[in-house]
Amino acid sequence: MTTHDIELDVQAADIDAYGHVNNAVYLTWLDRAAWSHSAALGAPLAACIALRRGMAALRTEIDYERAALAGDRVNVATWIAACDGKLRCTRRFVLRRVADRCVLARAQIEYVCLNLDTGRATRMPPEFVAAYTPRN
Protein backbone atom coordinates (compact mmCIF):
# COMPACT_ATOMS: atom_id res chain seq x y z
CA MET A 1 0.00 0.00 0.00
CA THR A 2 1.31 3.42 -0.95
CA THR A 3 0.26 6.28 1.28
CA HIS A 4 -0.09 9.98 0.64
CA ASP A 5 1.30 11.96 3.57
CA ILE A 6 0.92 15.51 4.79
CA GLU A 7 2.31 17.09 7.94
CA LEU A 8 0.52 19.63 10.11
CA ASP A 9 1.55 21.64 13.15
CA VAL A 10 -0.82 21.74 16.10
CA GLN A 11 -2.09 25.31 16.40
CA ALA A 12 -3.07 27.08 19.63
CA ALA A 13 -6.69 27.17 18.44
CA ASP A 14 -6.64 23.35 18.09
CA ILE A 15 -6.24 22.87 21.85
CA ASP A 16 -9.39 22.41 23.92
CA ALA A 17 -10.16 22.88 27.63
CA TYR A 18 -8.55 19.51 28.41
CA GLY A 19 -5.20 20.67 27.03
CA HIS A 20 -5.12 18.44 23.97
CA VAL A 21 -6.25 18.69 20.34
CA ASN A 22 -10.03 18.74 20.14
CA ASN A 23 -11.57 15.77 18.34
CA ALA A 24 -13.25 18.06 15.77
CA VAL A 25 -9.79 19.19 14.62
CA TYR A 26 -8.98 15.63 13.55
CA LEU A 27 -11.85 15.83 11.05
CA THR A 28 -10.29 18.95 9.56
CA TRP A 29 -6.94 17.17 9.29
CA LEU A 30 -8.54 14.18 7.57
CA ASP A 31 -10.24 16.52 5.12
CA ARG A 32 -6.97 18.32 4.32
CA ALA A 33 -5.19 15.03 3.71
CA ALA A 34 -8.04 13.73 1.52
CA TRP A 35 -8.07 16.88 -0.64
CA SER A 36 -4.29 16.82 -0.98
CA HIS A 37 -4.37 13.17 -1.99
CA SER A 38 -7.26 13.67 -4.43
CA ALA A 39 -5.32 16.46 -6.13
CA ALA A 40 -2.26 14.21 -6.37
CA LEU A 41 -4.43 11.47 -7.91
CA GLY A 42 -5.74 13.83 -10.61
CA ALA A 43 -9.03 14.88 -9.00
CA PRO A 44 -8.34 18.38 -7.63
CA LEU A 45 -11.15 20.69 -6.55
CA ALA A 46 -11.12 22.57 -9.87
CA ALA A 47 -11.73 19.32 -11.78
CA CYS A 48 -14.59 18.39 -9.45
CA ILE A 49 -16.21 21.78 -9.98
CA ALA A 50 -15.77 21.50 -13.77
CA LEU A 51 -17.31 18.01 -13.78
CA ARG A 52 -20.04 19.10 -11.33
CA ARG A 53 -19.24 15.97 -9.30
CA GLY A 54 -17.69 15.47 -5.88
CA MET A 55 -16.98 12.82 -3.30
CA ALA A 56 -18.86 13.52 -0.07
CA ALA A 57 -18.36 11.82 3.29
CA LEU A 58 -21.08 9.28 3.98
CA ARG A 59 -19.65 7.65 7.10
CA THR A 60 -16.65 8.53 9.26
CA GLU A 61 -15.05 6.33 11.91
CA ILE A 62 -12.19 7.57 14.08
CA ASP A 63 -10.37 5.58 16.75
CA TYR A 64 -8.40 7.91 19.00
CA GLU A 65 -5.34 6.23 20.51
CA ARG A 66 -3.23 9.06 21.98
CA ALA A 67 -3.66 12.80 22.42
CA ALA A 68 -1.98 15.33 20.16
CA LEU A 69 -0.66 18.23 22.21
CA ALA A 70 0.47 21.82 21.78
CA GLY A 71 3.74 21.95 19.87
CA ASP A 72 3.25 18.59 18.16
CA ARG A 73 3.78 18.08 14.45
CA VAL A 74 1.39 15.48 13.05
CA ASN A 75 1.77 13.25 9.99
CA VAL A 76 -1.49 12.26 8.33
CA ALA A 77 -1.15 9.30 5.97
CA THR A 78 -4.03 8.31 3.72
CA TRP A 79 -4.78 5.81 0.99
CA ILE A 80 -7.72 4.51 -1.00
CA ALA A 81 -8.74 1.16 0.48
CA ALA A 82 -11.65 0.36 -1.85
CA CYS A 83 -13.61 1.77 -4.76
CA ASP A 84 -16.64 0.16 -6.39
CA GLY A 85 -16.17 2.21 -9.58
CA LYS A 86 -19.82 3.26 -9.38
CA LEU A 87 -20.83 5.31 -6.34
CA ARG A 88 -18.55 4.70 -3.37
CA CYS A 89 -14.97 4.61 -2.24
CA THR A 90 -13.31 4.14 1.13
CA ARG A 91 -10.27 6.04 2.31
CA ARG A 92 -8.19 5.10 5.36
CA PHE A 93 -5.96 7.26 7.52
CA VAL A 94 -3.27 6.92 10.17
CA LEU A 95 -2.25 9.97 12.19
CA ARG A 96 1.14 9.91 13.95
CA ARG A 97 3.10 12.35 16.05
CA VAL A 98 6.21 13.09 13.98
CA ALA A 99 8.62 13.27 16.94
CA ASP A 100 8.13 9.67 18.11
CA ARG A 101 5.95 8.11 15.34
CA CYS A 102 3.33 7.31 18.00
CA VAL A 103 -0.07 6.53 16.46
CA LEU A 104 -2.54 9.19 17.56
CA ALA A 105 -5.58 7.99 15.64
CA ARG A 106 -6.79 5.70 12.88
CA ALA A 107 -9.74 6.60 10.70
CA GLN A 108 -11.83 5.43 7.79
CA ILE A 109 -14.20 7.49 5.68
CA GLU A 110 -16.68 6.09 3.19
CA TYR A 111 -17.47 8.54 0.40
CA VAL A 112 -20.27 8.68 -2.13
CA CYS A 113 -20.16 10.48 -5.46
CA LEU A 114 -22.54 13.45 -5.62
CA ASN A 115 -23.97 15.53 -8.40
CA LEU A 116 -23.01 19.04 -7.23
CA ASP A 117 -26.06 20.57 -8.89
CA THR A 118 -28.68 18.30 -7.30
CA GLY A 119 -26.90 17.10 -4.16
CA ARG A 120 -27.93 13.55 -5.02
CA ALA A 121 -25.77 10.46 -5.32
CA THR A 122 -24.70 9.76 -8.89
CA ARG A 123 -22.39 7.45 -10.79
CA MET A 124 -18.71 8.38 -10.69
CA PRO A 125 -17.34 9.94 -13.85
CA PRO A 126 -14.49 8.01 -15.50
CA GLU A 127 -12.01 10.56 -14.11
CA PHE A 128 -13.01 9.62 -10.56
CA VAL A 129 -12.88 5.89 -11.26
CA ALA A 130 -9.34 6.34 -12.60
CA ALA A 131 -8.29 8.51 -9.66
CA TYR A 132 -9.84 6.44 -6.88
CA THR A 133 -9.08 2.91 -8.00
CA PRO A 134 -6.76 1.55 -5.26
CA ARG A 135 -3.10 1.22 -6.19
CA ASN A 136 -0.63 -1.05 -4.47
C-alpha atoms as a PDB file:
ATOM      1  CA  MET A   1       0.000   0.000   0.000  1.00  0.00           C
ATOM      2  CA  THR A   2       1.314   3.419  -0.950  1.00  0.00           C
ATOM      3  CA  THR A   3       0.261   6.281   1.284  1.00  0.00           C
ATOM      4  CA  HIS A   4      -0.088   9.980   0.636  1.00  0.00           C
ATOM      5  CA  ASP A   5       1.300  11.958   3.568  1.00  0.00           C
ATOM      6  CA  ILE A   6       0.917  15.507   4.790  1.00  0.00           C
ATOM      7  CA  GLU A   7       2.311  17.095   7.941  1.00  0.00           C
ATOM      8  CA  LEU A   8       0.519  19.626  10.110  1.00  0.00           C
ATOM      9  CA  ASP A   9       1.553  21.638  13.147  1.00  0.00           C
ATOM     10  CA  VAL A  10      -0.820  21.745  16.101  1.00  0.00           C
ATOM     11  CA  GLN A  11      -2.092  25.310  16.398  1.00  0.00           C
ATOM     12  CA  ALA A  12      -3.067  27.077  19.628  1.00  0.00           C
ATOM     13  CA  ALA A  13      -6.695  27.170  18.438  1.00  0.00           C
ATOM     14  CA  ASP A  14      -6.638  23.346  18.093  1.00  0.00           C
ATOM     15  CA  ILE A  15      -6.242  22.868  21.854  1.00  0.00           C
ATOM     16  CA  ASP A  16      -9.387  22.411  23.922  1.00  0.00           C
ATOM     17  CA  ALA A  17     -10.157  22.884  27.626  1.00  0.00           C
ATOM     18  CA  TYR A  18      -8.550  19.508  28.405  1.00  0.00           C
ATOM     19  CA  GLY A  19      -5.200  20.667  27.028  1.00  0.00           C
ATOM     20  CA  HIS A  20      -5.120  18.440  23.966  1.00  0.00           C
ATOM     21  CA  VAL A  21      -6.249  18.692  20.343  1.00  0.00           C
ATOM     22  CA  ASN A  22     -10.031  18.741  20.143  1.00  0.00           C
ATOM     23  CA  ASN A  23     -11.572  15.773  18.340  1.00  0.00           C
ATOM     24  CA  ALA A  24     -13.247  18.056  15.774  1.00  0.00           C
ATOM     25  CA  VAL A  25      -9.787  19.192  14.621  1.00  0.00           C
ATOM     26  CA  TYR A  26      -8.983  15.629  13.555  1.00  0.00           C
ATOM     27  CA  LEU A  27     -11.854  15.826  11.048  1.00  0.00           C
ATOM     28  CA  THR A  28     -10.288  18.953   9.564  1.00  0.00           C
ATOM     29  CA  TRP A  29      -6.942  17.175   9.293  1.00  0.00           C
ATOM     30  CA  LEU A  30      -8.542  14.182   7.574  1.00  0.00           C
ATOM     31  CA  ASP A  31     -10.237  16.523   5.118  1.00  0.00           C
ATOM     32  CA  ARG A  32      -6.969  18.322   4.322  1.00  0.00           C
ATOM     33  CA  ALA A  33      -5.189  15.026   3.707  1.00  0.00           C
ATOM     34  CA  ALA A  34      -8.040  13.734   1.523  1.00  0.00           C
ATOM     35  CA  TRP A  35      -8.072  16.883  -0.643  1.00  0.00           C
ATOM     36  CA  SER A  36      -4.294  16.825  -0.985  1.00  0.00           C
ATOM     37  CA  HIS A  37      -4.374  13.167  -1.989  1.00  0.00           C
ATOM     38  CA  SER A  38      -7.263  13.671  -4.427  1.00  0.00           C
ATOM     39  CA  ALA A  39      -5.323  16.462  -6.132  1.00  0.00           C
ATOM     40  CA  ALA A  40      -2.258  14.213  -6.367  1.00  0.00           C
ATOM     41  CA  LEU A  41      -4.431  11.471  -7.909  1.00  0.00           C
ATOM     42  CA  GLY A  42      -5.736  13.826 -10.606  1.00  0.00           C
ATOM     43  CA  ALA A  43      -9.027  14.876  -9.003  1.00  0.00           C
ATOM     44  CA  PRO A  44      -8.335  18.378  -7.632  1.00  0.00           C
ATOM     45  CA  LEU A  45     -11.145  20.685  -6.548  1.00  0.00           C
ATOM     46  CA  ALA A  46     -11.117  22.569  -9.874  1.00  0.00           C
ATOM     47  CA  ALA A  47     -11.727  19.319 -11.784  1.00  0.00           C
ATOM     48  CA  CYS A  48     -14.588  18.390  -9.452  1.00  0.00           C
ATOM     49  CA  ILE A  49     -16.207  21.775  -9.983  1.00  0.00           C
ATOM     50  CA  ALA A  50     -15.775  21.505 -13.766  1.00  0.00           C
ATOM     51  CA  LEU A  51     -17.307  18.011 -13.784  1.00  0.00           C
ATOM     52  CA  ARG A  52     -20.043  19.097 -11.334  1.00  0.00           C
ATOM     53  CA  ARG A  53     -19.236  15.967  -9.305  1.00  0.00           C
ATOM     54  CA  GLY A  54     -17.693  15.469  -5.879  1.00  0.00           C
ATOM     55  CA  MET A  55     -16.981  12.817  -3.303  1.00  0.00           C
ATOM     56  CA  ALA A  56     -18.863  13.518  -0.070  1.00  0.00           C
ATOM     57  CA  ALA A  57     -18.356  11.824   3.289  1.00  0.00           C
ATOM     58  CA  LEU A  58     -21.077   9.283   3.977  1.00  0.00           C
ATOM     59  CA  ARG A  59     -19.653   7.647   7.099  1.00  0.00           C
ATOM     60  CA  THR A  60     -16.652   8.532   9.259  1.00  0.00           C
ATOM     61  CA  GLU A  61     -15.046   6.334  11.912  1.00  0.00           C
ATOM     62  CA  ILE A  62     -12.185   7.567  14.082  1.00  0.00           C
ATOM     63  CA  ASP A  63     -10.371   5.577  16.747  1.00  0.00           C
ATOM     64  CA  TYR A  64      -8.398   7.912  19.000  1.00  0.00           C
ATOM     65  CA  GLU A  65      -5.339   6.231  20.513  1.00  0.00           C
ATOM     66  CA  ARG A  66      -3.233   9.056  21.982  1.00  0.00           C
ATOM     67  CA  ALA A  67      -3.662  12.796  22.421  1.00  0.00           C
ATOM     68  CA  ALA A  68      -1.981  15.335  20.157  1.00  0.00           C
ATOM     69  CA  LEU A  69      -0.657  18.229  22.207  1.00  0.00           C
ATOM     70  CA  ALA A  70       0.468  21.816  21.776  1.00  0.00           C
ATOM     71  CA  GLY A  71       3.737  21.949  19.873  1.00  0.00           C
ATOM     72  CA  ASP A  72       3.248  18.588  18.156  1.00  0.00           C
ATOM     73  CA  ARG A  73       3.778  18.082  14.445  1.00  0.00           C
ATOM     74  CA  VAL A  74       1.387  15.478  13.054  1.00  0.00           C
ATOM     75  CA  ASN A  75       1.773  13.250   9.989  1.00  0.00           C
ATOM     76  CA  VAL A  76      -1.488  12.263   8.333  1.00  0.00           C
ATOM     77  CA  ALA A  77      -1.146   9.301   5.973  1.00  0.00           C
ATOM     78  CA  THR A  78      -4.031   8.315   3.721  1.00  0.00           C
ATOM     79  CA  TRP A  79      -4.776   5.808   0.989  1.00  0.00           C
ATOM     80  CA  ILE A  80      -7.724   4.507  -1.000  1.00  0.00           C
ATOM     81  CA  ALA A  81      -8.738   1.156   0.481  1.00  0.00           C
ATOM     82  CA  ALA A  82     -11.652   0.356  -1.848  1.00  0.00           C
ATOM     83  CA  CYS A  83     -13.614   1.771  -4.761  1.00  0.00           C
ATOM     84  CA  ASP A  84     -16.637   0.158  -6.386  1.00  0.00           C
ATOM     85  CA  GLY A  85     -16.167   2.212  -9.580  1.00  0.00           C
ATOM     86  CA  LYS A  86     -19.820   3.258  -9.378  1.00  0.00           C
ATOM     87  CA  LEU A  87     -20.826   5.313  -6.337  1.00  0.00           C
ATOM     88  CA  ARG A  88     -18.549   4.697  -3.367  1.00  0.00           C
ATOM     89  CA  CYS A  89     -14.974   4.614  -2.237  1.00  0.00           C
ATOM     90  CA  THR A  90     -13.307   4.142   1.128  1.00  0.00           C
ATOM     91  CA  ARG A  91     -10.267   6.037   2.315  1.00  0.00           C
ATOM     92  CA  ARG A  92      -8.194   5.097   5.358  1.00  0.00           C
ATOM     93  CA  PHE A  93      -5.962   7.262   7.520  1.00  0.00           C
ATOM     94  CA  VAL A  94      -3.267   6.918  10.173  1.00  0.00           C
ATOM     95  CA  LEU A  95      -2.247   9.973  12.191  1.00  0.00           C
ATOM     96  CA  ARG A  96       1.137   9.914  13.951  1.00  0.00           C
ATOM     97  CA  ARG A  97       3.100  12.348  16.046  1.00  0.00           C
ATOM     98  CA  VAL A  98       6.207  13.089  13.976  1.00  0.00           C
ATOM     99  CA  ALA A  99       8.618  13.267  16.938  1.00  0.00           C
ATOM    100  CA  ASP A 100       8.125   9.668  18.113  1.00  0.00           C
ATOM    101  CA  ARG A 101       5.953   8.109  15.341  1.00  0.00           C
ATOM    102  CA  CYS A 102       3.331   7.306  17.998  1.00  0.00           C
ATOM    103  CA  VAL A 103      -0.074   6.535  16.463  1.00  0.00           C
ATOM    104  CA  LEU A 104      -2.544   9.190  17.561  1.00  0.00           C
ATOM    105  CA  ALA A 105      -5.577   7.989  15.635  1.00  0.00           C
ATOM    106  CA  ARG A 106      -6.791   5.704  12.875  1.00  0.00           C
ATOM    107  CA  ALA A 107      -9.745   6.601  10.697  1.00  0.00           C
ATOM    108  CA  GLN A 108     -11.831   5.433   7.793  1.00  0.00           C
ATOM    109  CA  ILE A 109     -14.199   7.488   5.681  1.00  0.00           C
ATOM    110  CA  GLU A 110     -16.676   6.086   3.192  1.00  0.00           C
ATOM    111  CA  TYR A 111     -17.469   8.542   0.404  1.00  0.00           C
ATOM    112  CA  VAL A 112     -20.270   8.676  -2.134  1.00  0.00           C
ATOM    113  CA  CYS A 113     -20.161  10.481  -5.464  1.00  0.00           C
ATOM    114  CA  LEU A 114     -22.541  13.447  -5.620  1.00  0.00           C
ATOM    115  CA  ASN A 115     -23.966  15.534  -8.404  1.00  0.00           C
ATOM    116  CA  LEU A 116     -23.007  19.037  -7.234  1.00  0.00           C
ATOM    117  CA  ASP A 117     -26.064  20.570  -8.890  1.00  0.00           C
ATOM    118  CA  THR A 118     -28.680  18.302  -7.302  1.00  0.00           C
ATOM    119  CA  GLY A 119     -26.900  17.103  -4.160  1.00  0.00           C
ATOM    120  CA  ARG A 120     -27.928  13.545  -5.021  1.00  0.00           C
ATOM    121  CA  ALA A 121     -25.771  10.456  -5.321  1.00  0.00           C
ATOM    122  CA  THR A 122     -24.704   9.761  -8.889  1.00  0.00           C
ATOM    123  CA  ARG A 123     -22.386   7.451 -10.790  1.00  0.00           C
ATOM    124  CA  MET A 124     -18.705   8.377 -10.691  1.00  0.00           C
ATOM    125  CA  PRO A 125     -17.343   9.939 -13.855  1.00  0.00           C
ATOM    126  CA  PRO A 126     -14.486   8.006 -15.500  1.00  0.00           C
ATOM    127  CA  GLU A 127     -12.012  10.561 -14.111  1.00  0.00           C
ATOM    128  CA  PHE A 128     -13.014   9.623 -10.556  1.00  0.00           C
ATOM    129  CA  VAL A 129     -12.884   5.887 -11.260  1.00  0.00           C
ATOM    130  CA  ALA A 130      -9.339   6.336 -12.600  1.00  0.00           C
ATOM    131  CA  ALA A 131      -8.285   8.505  -9.656  1.00  0.00           C
ATOM    132  CA  TYR A 132      -9.842   6.445  -6.879  1.00  0.00           C
ATOM    133  CA  THR A 133      -9.077   2.909  -8.002  1.00  0.00           C
ATOM    134  CA  PRO A 134      -6.763   1.549  -5.256  1.00  0.00           C
ATOM    135  CA  ARG A 135      -3.097   1.216  -6.195  1.00  0.00           C
ATOM    136  CA  ASN A 136      -0.629  -1.053  -4.467  1.00  0.00           C
END
